[in-house]
Amino acid sequence: MDFYFHDSCLSRQSVLLLARDIQQDCPAWHIGIHPLREYEATALGFHVLPTIVMNGSTVAAGIPRKDWLLRKMKECEEVDRR
């Protein structure tokens, strides 16, 4: 899972806290943290930051609730097992 956000964004701290909480709850998952500059976000095709990407697909724009994100992770794990 990858967390992308503007390096100088006001929500930076919230993104980092959410990523840390997710990593603590799901230590088997690799969590990537990617502070971006405006041109980098544009080059990657992100129209909204923060953006959370799981297995190459955007699953959230903005900062989702932790319980919602954990449900998405569980769904992803179930699909991978099939």
Protein backbone atom coordinates (compact mmCIF):
# COMPACT_ATOMS: atom_id res chain seq x y z
CA MET A 1 0.00 0.00 0.00
CA ASP A 2 1.30 3.45 -0.88
CA PHE A 3 0.38 6.79 0.62
CA TYR A 4 0.96 9.81 -1.65
CA PHE A 5 0.59 13.39 -0.43
CA HIS A 6 1.83 16.92 -1.11
CA ASP A 7 5.05 17.38 0.81
CA SER A 8 3.83 20.70 2.22
CA CYS A 9 0.16 19.70 2.63
CA LEU A 10 -1.69 20.55 5.81
CA SER A 11 -2.96 16.96 5.98
CA ARG A 12 0.61 15.57 5.93
CA GLN A 13 0.56 14.74 9.64
CA SER A 14 -2.82 12.99 9.37
CA VAL A 15 -1.57 10.87 6.47
CA LEU A 16 1.58 9.89 8.36
CA LEU A 17 -0.42 8.98 11.48
CA LEU A 18 -2.85 6.85 9.46
CA ALA A 19 0.04 5.07 7.69
CA ARG A 20 1.74 4.39 11.02
CA ASP A 21 -1.47 3.02 12.53
CA ILE A 22 -2.07 0.76 9.53
CA GLN A 23 1.52 -0.51 9.67
CA GLN A 24 1.12 -1.34 13.37
CA ASP A 25 -2.16 -3.18 12.75
CA CYS A 26 -0.93 -4.98 9.61
CA PRO A 27 2.82 -5.57 9.93
CA ALA A 28 2.85 -8.04 7.02
CA TRP A 29 1.87 -5.27 4.61
CA HIS A 30 4.50 -3.06 3.00
CA ILE A 31 3.51 0.56 3.53
CA GLY A 32 5.16 3.14 1.28
CA ILE A 33 5.16 6.84 2.14
CA HIS A 34 5.59 9.22 -0.80
CA PRO A 35 5.72 12.98 -0.27
CA LEU A 36 5.31 14.59 -3.70
CA ARG A 37 5.83 17.98 -5.25
CA GLU A 38 3.11 19.35 -7.54
CA TYR A 39 4.86 18.31 -10.77
CA GLU A 40 5.38 14.77 -9.42
CA ALA A 41 1.68 14.41 -8.58
CA THR A 42 0.78 15.61 -12.06
CA ALA A 43 3.28 13.24 -13.68
CA LEU A 44 1.78 10.31 -11.76
CA GLY A 45 -1.74 11.31 -12.81
CA PHE A 46 -3.05 12.12 -9.34
CA HIS A 47 -5.78 14.75 -9.43
CA VAL A 48 -6.33 14.70 -5.68
CA LEU A 49 -3.84 14.27 -2.86
CA PRO A 50 -3.57 12.56 -0.50
CA THR A 51 -4.15 9.39 -2.50
CA ILE A 52 -3.86 5.83 -1.26
CA VAL A 53 -2.89 3.14 -3.76
CA MET A 54 -3.19 -0.59 -3.14
CA ASN A 55 -1.71 -3.10 -5.61
CA GLY A 56 -1.42 -0.38 -8.25
CA SER A 57 -5.02 0.86 -7.97
CA THR A 58 -6.25 3.99 -6.25
CA VAL A 59 -8.51 3.02 -3.35
CA ALA A 60 -8.92 6.40 -1.68
CA ALA A 61 -8.49 10.08 -2.36
CA GLY A 62 -8.31 12.15 0.78
CA ILE A 63 -7.92 10.61 4.20
CA PRO A 64 -10.27 7.69 4.80
CA ARG A 65 -11.28 6.36 8.18
CA LYS A 66 -8.94 3.69 9.46
CA ASP A 67 -11.67 1.05 9.81
CA TRP A 68 -12.75 1.60 6.20
CA LEU A 69 -9.17 1.23 4.97
CA LEU A 70 -8.67 -1.95 7.02
CA ARG A 71 -11.83 -3.42 5.39
CA LYS A 72 -10.42 -2.59 1.94
CA MET A 73 -7.16 -4.30 2.87
CA LYS A 74 -9.04 -7.40 4.00
CA GLU A 75 -10.99 -7.45 0.72
CA CYS A 76 -7.72 -7.21 -1.19
CA GLU A 77 -6.23 -10.12 0.78
CA GLU A 78 -9.31 -12.25 0.05
CA VAL A 79 -9.05 -11.57 -3.68
CA ASP A 80 -5.33 -12.45 -3.62
CA ARG A 81 -6.09 -15.82 -1.99
CA ARG A 82 -8.41 -16.87 -4.83
